[in-house]
Amino acid sequence: MKEDHMRNGQLKPGYNVQIGTENQFILGYSVHQRPTDTRCLKPHLEKVKHALGALPGTIIADAGYGGE
């Protein structure tokens, strides 16, 4: 759940969609019940590895994934 920033008692579901691409083709996607990117990269990569049989040679991610 997302935090109640407006302090009005309304919590919103926090889903996070991750998409892995290469050369503008989607290699895999995953949906997580987390409002931020933190702790989504490893499960996403496991799903990509399961679908493709291997991980890509290079993985690029922004600082939002640094908490893993």
PDB file of N, CA and C in Angstrom:
ATOM      1  N   MET A   1       0.829  -1.184   0.000  1.00  0.00           N
ATOM      2  CA  MET A   1       0.000   0.000   0.000  1.00  0.00           C
ATOM      3  C   MET A   1       0.872   1.244   0.000  1.00  0.00           C
ATOM      4  N   LYS A   2       0.426   2.219  -0.733  1.00  0.00           N
ATOM      5  CA  LYS A   2       1.122   3.499  -0.713  1.00  0.00           C
ATOM      6  C   LYS A   2       0.776   4.232   0.572  1.00  0.00           C
ATOM      7  N   GLU A   3       1.680   5.098   0.981  1.00  0.00           N
ATOM      8  CA  GLU A   3       1.460   5.866   2.202  1.00  0.00           C
ATOM      9  C   GLU A   3       0.401   6.937   1.973  1.00  0.00           C
ATOM     10  N   ASP A   4      -0.201   7.362   3.055  1.00  0.00           N
ATOM     11  CA  ASP A   4      -1.253   8.375   3.014  1.00  0.00           C
ATOM     12  C   ASP A   4      -0.631   9.768   3.093  1.00  0.00           C
ATOM     13  N   HIS A   5      -0.064  10.245   1.984  1.00  0.00           N
ATOM     14  CA  HIS A   5       0.617  11.545   1.978  1.00  0.00           C
ATOM     15  C   HIS A   5      -0.353  12.710   2.175  1.00  0.00           C
ATOM     16  N   MET A   6      -1.592  12.558   1.722  1.00  0.00           N
ATOM     17  CA  MET A   6      -2.568  13.640   1.858  1.00  0.00           C
ATOM     18  C   MET A   6      -3.239  13.624   3.233  1.00  0.00           C
ATOM     19  N   ARG A   7      -2.961  12.592   4.021  1.00  0.00           N
ATOM     20  CA  ARG A   7      -3.517  12.439   5.365  1.00  0.00           C
ATOM     21  C   ARG A   7      -5.056  12.514   5.375  1.00  0.00           C
ATOM     22  N   ASN A   8      -5.657  11.871   4.375  1.00  0.00           N
ATOM     23  CA  ASN A   8      -7.113  11.852   4.313  1.00  0.00           C
ATOM     24  C   ASN A   8      -7.679  10.448   4.549  1.00  0.00           C
ATOM     25  N   GLY A   9      -6.839   9.530   5.006  1.00  0.00           N
ATOM     26  CA  GLY A   9      -7.294   8.187   5.320  1.00  0.00           C
ATOM     27  C   GLY A   9      -7.486   7.276   4.124  1.00  0.00           C
ATOM     28  N   GLN A  10      -7.088   7.720   2.946  1.00  0.00           N
ATOM     29  CA  GLN A  10      -7.260   6.903   1.744  1.00  0.00           C
ATOM     30  C   GLN A  10      -5.917   6.335   1.297  1.00  0.00           C
ATOM     31  N   LEU A  11      -5.730   5.060   1.531  1.00  0.00           N
ATOM     32  CA  LEU A  11      -4.525   4.389   1.053  1.00  0.00           C
ATOM     33  C   LEU A  11      -4.807   3.811  -0.326  1.00  0.00           C
ATOM     34  N   LYS A  12      -3.862   3.935  -1.207  1.00  0.00           N
ATOM     35  CA  LYS A  12      -4.009   3.436  -2.570  1.00  0.00           C
ATOM     36  C   LYS A  12      -3.148   2.192  -2.741  1.00  0.00           C
ATOM     37  N   PRO A  13      -3.608   1.204  -3.527  1.00  0.00           N
ATOM     38  CA  PRO A  13      -2.760   0.052  -3.789  1.00  0.00           C
ATOM     39  C   PRO A  13      -1.498   0.498  -4.513  1.00  0.00           C
ATOM     40  N   GLY A  14      -0.375  -0.063  -4.129  1.00  0.00           N
ATOM     41  CA  GLY A  14       0.895   0.309  -4.753  1.00  0.00           C
ATOM     42  C   GLY A  14       1.450  -0.826  -5.577  1.00  0.00           C
ATOM     43  N   TYR A  15       1.199  -0.802  -6.863  1.00  0.00           N
ATOM     44  CA  TYR A  15       1.741  -1.814  -7.761  1.00  0.00           C
ATOM     45  C   TYR A  15       2.909  -1.222  -8.530  1.00  0.00           C
ATOM     46  N   ASN A  16       3.835  -2.056  -8.893  1.00  0.00           N
ATOM     47  CA  ASN A  16       5.029  -1.614  -9.594  1.00  0.00           C
ATOM     48  C   ASN A  16       5.265  -2.577 -10.752  1.00  0.00           C
ATOM     49  N   VAL A  17       5.293  -2.058 -11.961  1.00  0.00           N
ATOM     50  CA  VAL A  17       5.511  -2.878 -13.151  1.00  0.00           C
ATOM     51  C   VAL A  17       6.944  -2.678 -13.628  1.00  0.00           C
ATOM     52  N   GLN A  18       7.644  -3.771 -13.822  1.00  0.00           N
ATOM     53  CA  GLN A  18       9.017  -3.746 -14.328  1.00  0.00           C
ATOM     54  C   GLN A  18       9.012  -4.354 -15.732  1.00  0.00           C
ATOM     55  N   ILE A  19       9.748  -3.741 -16.649  1.00  0.00           N
ATOM     56  CA  ILE A  19       9.842  -4.246 -18.020  1.00  0.00           C
ATOM     57  C   ILE A  19      11.306  -4.297 -18.406  1.00  0.00           C
ATOM     58  N   GLY A  20      11.743  -5.445 -18.911  1.00  0.00           N
ATOM     59  CA  GLY A  20      13.110  -5.605 -19.406  1.00  0.00           C
ATOM     60  C   GLY A  20      13.104  -5.588 -20.923  1.00  0.00           C
ATOM     61  N   THR A  21      13.980  -4.792 -21.526  1.00  0.00           N
ATOM     62  CA  THR A  21      14.020  -4.679 -22.984  1.00  0.00           C
ATOM     63  C   THR A  21      15.432  -4.856 -23.512  1.00  0.00           C
ATOM     64  N   GLU A  22      15.505  -5.173 -24.786  1.00  0.00           N
ATOM     65  CA  GLU A  22      16.775  -5.204 -25.510  1.00  0.00           C
ATOM     66  C   GLU A  22      16.478  -4.860 -26.961  1.00  0.00           C
ATOM     67  N   ASN A  23      17.177  -3.853 -27.479  1.00  0.00           N
ATOM     68  CA  ASN A  23      16.964  -3.395 -28.859  1.00  0.00           C
ATOM     69  C   ASN A  23      15.490  -3.110 -29.143  1.00  0.00           C
ATOM     70  N   GLN A  24      14.817  -2.490 -28.205  1.00  0.00           N
ATOM     71  CA  GLN A  24      13.424  -2.072 -28.296  1.00  0.00           C
ATOM     72  C   GLN A  24      12.428  -3.229 -28.290  1.00  0.00           C
ATOM     73  N   PHE A  25      12.873  -4.438 -27.949  1.00  0.00           N
ATOM     74  CA  PHE A  25      11.983  -5.587 -27.804  1.00  0.00           C
ATOM     75  C   PHE A  25      11.821  -5.902 -26.321  1.00  0.00           C
ATOM     76  N   ILE A  26      10.609  -6.206 -25.910  1.00  0.00           N
ATOM     77  CA  ILE A  26      10.356  -6.559 -24.515  1.00  0.00           C
ATOM     78  C   ILE A  26      10.784  -8.000 -24.284  1.00  0.00           C
ATOM     79  N   LEU A  27      11.715  -8.192 -23.347  1.00  0.00           N
ATOM     80  CA  LEU A  27      12.188  -9.529 -22.994  1.00  0.00           C
ATOM     81  C   LEU A  27      11.353 -10.149 -21.891  1.00  0.00           C
ATOM     82  N   GLY A  28      10.810  -9.311 -21.026  1.00  0.00           N
ATOM     83  CA  GLY A  28      10.012  -9.817 -19.926  1.00  0.00           C
ATOM     84  C   GLY A  28       9.421  -8.678 -19.122  1.00  0.00           C
ATOM     85  N   TYR A  29       8.401  -9.002 -18.367  1.00  0.00           N
ATOM     86  CA  TYR A  29       7.791  -8.015 -17.474  1.00  0.00           C
ATOM     87  C   TYR A  29       7.387  -8.713 -16.184  1.00  0.00           C
ATOM     88  N   SER A  30       7.220  -7.928 -15.147  1.00  0.00           N
ATOM     89  CA  SER A  30       6.756  -8.466 -13.874  1.00  0.00           C
ATOM     90  C   SER A  30       5.987  -7.380 -13.132  1.00  0.00           C
ATOM     91  N   VAL A  31       5.030  -7.807 -12.330  1.00  0.00           N
ATOM     92  CA  VAL A  31       4.212  -6.885 -11.543  1.00  0.00           C
ATOM     93  C   VAL A  31       4.443  -7.216 -10.072  1.00  0.00           C
ATOM     94  N   HIS A  32       4.731  -6.186  -9.281  1.00  0.00           N
ATOM     95  CA  HIS A  32       5.057  -6.367  -7.869  1.00  0.00           C
ATOM     96  C   HIS A  32       4.110  -5.536  -7.014  1.00  0.00           C
ATOM     97  N   GLN A  33       3.785  -6.027  -5.832  1.00  0.00           N
ATOM     98  CA  GLN A  33       2.939  -5.281  -4.902  1.00  0.00           C
ATOM     99  C   GLN A  33       3.812  -4.435  -3.990  1.00  0.00           C
ATOM    100  N   ARG A  34       4.612  -3.609  -4.614  1.00  0.00           N
ATOM    101  CA  ARG A  34       5.486  -2.685  -3.882  1.00  0.00           C
ATOM    102  C   ARG A  34       5.366  -1.317  -4.548  1.00  0.00           C
ATOM    103  N   PRO A  35       5.295  -0.250  -3.777  1.00  0.00           N
ATOM    104  CA  PRO A  35       5.137   1.068  -4.381  1.00  0.00           C
ATOM    105  C   PRO A  35       6.424   1.638  -4.977  1.00  0.00           C
ATOM    106  N   THR A  36       7.582   1.068  -4.664  1.00  0.00           N
ATOM    107  CA  THR A  36       8.847   1.595  -5.186  1.00  0.00           C
ATOM    108  C   THR A  36       9.628   0.489  -5.889  1.00  0.00           C
ATOM    109  N   ASP A  37      10.692   0.879  -6.586  1.00  0.00           N
ATOM    110  CA  ASP A  37      11.535  -0.077  -7.302  1.00  0.00           C
ATOM    111  C   ASP A  37      12.395  -0.934  -6.378  1.00  0.00           C
ATOM    112  N   THR A  38      12.618  -0.455  -5.155  1.00  0.00           N
ATOM    113  CA  THR A  38      13.473  -1.186  -4.226  1.00  0.00           C
ATOM    114  C   THR A  38      12.950  -2.604  -4.042  1.00  0.00           C
ATOM    115  N   ARG A  39      13.804  -3.574  -4.117  1.00  0.00           N
ATOM    116  CA  ARG A  39      13.510  -4.999  -3.961  1.00  0.00           C
ATOM    117  C   ARG A  39      12.653  -5.581  -5.081  1.00  0.00           C
ATOM    118  N   CYS A  40      12.631  -4.940  -6.252  1.00  0.00           N
ATOM    119  CA  CYS A  40      11.913  -5.488  -7.407  1.00  0.00           C
ATOM    120  C   CYS A  40      12.866  -6.056  -8.456  1.00  0.00           C
ATOM    121  N   LEU A  41      14.118  -5.613  -8.459  1.00  0.00           N
ATOM    122  CA  LEU A  41      15.039  -6.009  -9.530  1.00  0.00           C
ATOM    123  C   LEU A  41      15.348  -7.501  -9.506  1.00  0.00           C
ATOM    124  N   LYS A  42      15.706  -8.038  -8.356  1.00  0.00           N
ATOM    125  CA  LYS A  42      16.071  -9.465  -8.293  1.00  0.00           C
ATOM    126  C   LYS A  42      14.914 -10.379  -8.703  1.00  0.00           C
ATOM    127  N   PRO A  43      13.704 -10.193  -8.164  1.00  0.00           N
ATOM    128  CA  PRO A  43      12.597 -11.044  -8.611  1.00  0.00           C
ATOM    129  C   PRO A  43      12.304 -10.887 -10.107  1.00  0.00           C
ATOM    130  N   HIS A  44      12.444  -9.657 -10.613  1.00  0.00           N
ATOM    131  CA  HIS A  44      12.216  -9.429 -12.046  1.00  0.00           C
ATOM    132  C   HIS A  44      13.251 -10.184 -12.878  1.00  0.00           C
ATOM    133  N   LEU A  45      14.510 -10.113 -12.486  1.00  0.00           N
ATOM    134  CA  LEU A  45      15.565 -10.806 -13.227  1.00  0.00           C
ATOM    135  C   LEU A  45      15.404 -12.321 -13.148  1.00  0.00           C
ATOM    136  N   GLU A  46      14.925 -12.829 -12.021  1.00  0.00           N
ATOM    137  CA  GLU A  46      14.674 -14.268 -11.909  1.00  0.00           C
ATOM    138  C   GLU A  46      13.597 -14.709 -12.899  1.00  0.00           C
ATOM    139  N   LYS A  47      12.568 -13.881 -13.067  1.00  0.00           N
ATOM    140  CA  LYS A  47      11.512 -14.206 -14.025  1.00  0.00           C
ATOM    141  C   LYS A  47      12.040 -14.160 -15.457  1.00  0.00           C
ATOM    142  N   VAL A  48      12.861 -13.159 -15.774  1.00  0.00           N
ATOM    143  CA  VAL A  48      13.463 -13.067 -17.111  1.00  0.00           C
ATOM    144  C   VAL A  48      14.351 -14.277 -17.364  1.00  0.00           C
ATOM    145  N   LYS A  49      15.150 -14.656 -16.367  1.00  0.00           N
ATOM    146  CA  LYS A  49      16.039 -15.811 -16.522  1.00  0.00           C
ATOM    147  C   LYS A  49      15.238 -17.090 -16.755  1.00  0.00           C
ATOM    148  N   HIS A  50      14.142 -17.237 -16.045  1.00  0.00           N
ATOM    149  CA  HIS A  50      13.310 -18.423 -16.223  1.00  0.00           C
ATOM    150  C   HIS A  50      12.723 -18.459 -17.640  1.00  0.00           C
ATOM    151  N   ALA A  51      12.295 -17.312 -18.150  1.00  0.00           N
ATOM    152  CA  ALA A  51      11.678 -17.253 -19.479  1.00  0.00           C
ATOM    153  C   ALA A  51      12.693 -17.448 -20.602  1.00  0.00           C
ATOM    154  N   LEU A  52      13.902 -16.882 -20.447  1.00  0.00           N
ATOM    155  CA  LEU A  52      14.901 -16.913 -21.520  1.00  0.00           C
ATOM    156  C   LEU A  52      15.935 -18.019 -21.362  1.00  0.00           C
ATOM    157  N   GLY A  53      16.045 -18.571 -20.163  1.00  0.00           N
ATOM    158  CA  GLY A  53      17.049 -19.594 -19.915  1.00  0.00           C
ATOM    159  C   GLY A  53      18.389 -19.036 -19.481  1.00  0.00           C
ATOM    160  N   ALA A  54      18.560 -17.742 -19.525  1.00  0.00           N
ATOM    161  CA  ALA A  54      19.805 -17.084 -19.110  1.00  0.00           C
ATOM    162  C   ALA A  54      19.525 -15.603 -18.892  1.00  0.00           C
ATOM    163  N   LEU A  55      20.414 -14.972 -18.153  1.00  0.00           N
ATOM    164  CA  LEU A  55      20.312 -13.522 -17.965  1.00  0.00           C
ATOM    165  C   LEU A  55      21.042 -12.805 -19.091  1.00  0.00           C
ATOM    166  N   PRO A  56      20.622 -11.590 -19.417  1.00  0.00           N
ATOM    167  CA  PRO A  56      21.369 -10.799 -20.399  1.00  0.00           C
ATOM    168  C   PRO A  56      22.795 -10.542 -19.911  1.00  0.00           C
ATOM    169  N   GLY A  57      23.715 -10.306 -20.829  1.00  0.00           N
ATOM    170  CA  GLY A  57      25.112 -10.065 -20.475  1.00  0.00           C
ATOM    171  C   GLY A  57      25.315  -8.790 -19.683  1.00  0.00           C
ATOM    172  N   THR A  58      24.518  -7.766 -19.950  1.00  0.00           N
ATOM    173  CA  THR A  58      24.635  -6.480 -19.266  1.00  0.00           C
ATOM    174  C   THR A  58      23.269  -6.078 -18.729  1.00  0.00           C
ATOM    175  N   ILE A  59      23.244  -5.644 -17.478  1.00  0.00           N
ATOM    176  CA  ILE A  59      22.006  -5.183 -16.860  1.00  0.00           C
ATOM    177  C   ILE A  59      22.218  -3.741 -16.423  1.00  0.00           C
ATOM    178  N   ILE A  60      21.340  -2.860 -16.865  1.00  0.00           N
ATOM    179  CA  ILE A  60      21.436  -1.440 -16.522  1.00  0.00           C
ATOM    180  C   ILE A  60      20.183  -1.056 -15.742  1.00  0.00           C
ATOM    181  N   ALA A  61      20.377  -0.427 -14.585  1.00  0.00           N
ATOM    182  CA  ALA A  61      19.256   0.005 -13.752  1.00  0.00           C
ATOM    183  C   ALA A  61      19.611   1.340 -13.107  1.00  0.00           C
ATOM    184  N   ASP A  62      18.593   2.127 -12.756  1.00  0.00           N
ATOM    185  CA  ASP A  62      18.867   3.420 -12.128  1.00  0.00           C
ATOM    186  C   ASP A  62      19.083   3.257 -10.621  1.00  0.00           C
ATOM    187  N   ALA A  63      19.308   4.367  -9.939  1.00  0.00           N
ATOM    188  CA  ALA A  63      19.664   4.344  -8.519  1.00  0.00           C
ATOM    189  C   ALA A  63      18.537   3.832  -7.630  1.00  0.00           C
ATOM    190  N   GLY A  64      17.304   3.800  -8.118  1.00  0.00           N
ATOM    191  CA  GLY A  64      16.187   3.297  -7.331  1.00  0.00           C
ATOM    192  C   GLY A  64      16.337   1.841  -6.944  1.00  0.00           C
ATOM    193  N   TYR A  65      17.170   1.117  -7.673  1.00  0.00           N
ATOM    194  CA  TYR A  65      17.399  -0.293  -7.383  1.00  0.00           C
ATOM    195  C   TYR A  65      18.590  -0.492  -6.452  1.00  0.00           C
ATOM    196  N   GLY A  66      19.255   0.573  -6.055  1.00  0.00           N
ATOM    197  CA  GLY A  66      20.469   0.479  -5.256  1.00  0.00           C
ATOM    198  C   GLY A  66      20.281  -0.101  -3.872  1.00  0.00           C
ATOM    199  N   GLY A  67      19.053  -0.149  -3.382  1.00  0.00           N
ATOM    200  CA  GLY A  67      18.795  -0.677  -2.055  1.00  0.00           C
ATOM    201  C   GLY A  67      18.883  -2.188  -1.967  1.00  0.00           C
ATOM    202  N   GLU A  68      19.047  -2.850  -3.101  1.00  0.00           N
ATOM    203  CA  GLU A  68      19.115  -4.312  -3.072  1.00  0.00           C
ATOM    204  C   GLU A  68      20.518  -4.700  -2.784  1.00  0.00           C
TER     205      GLU A  68
END
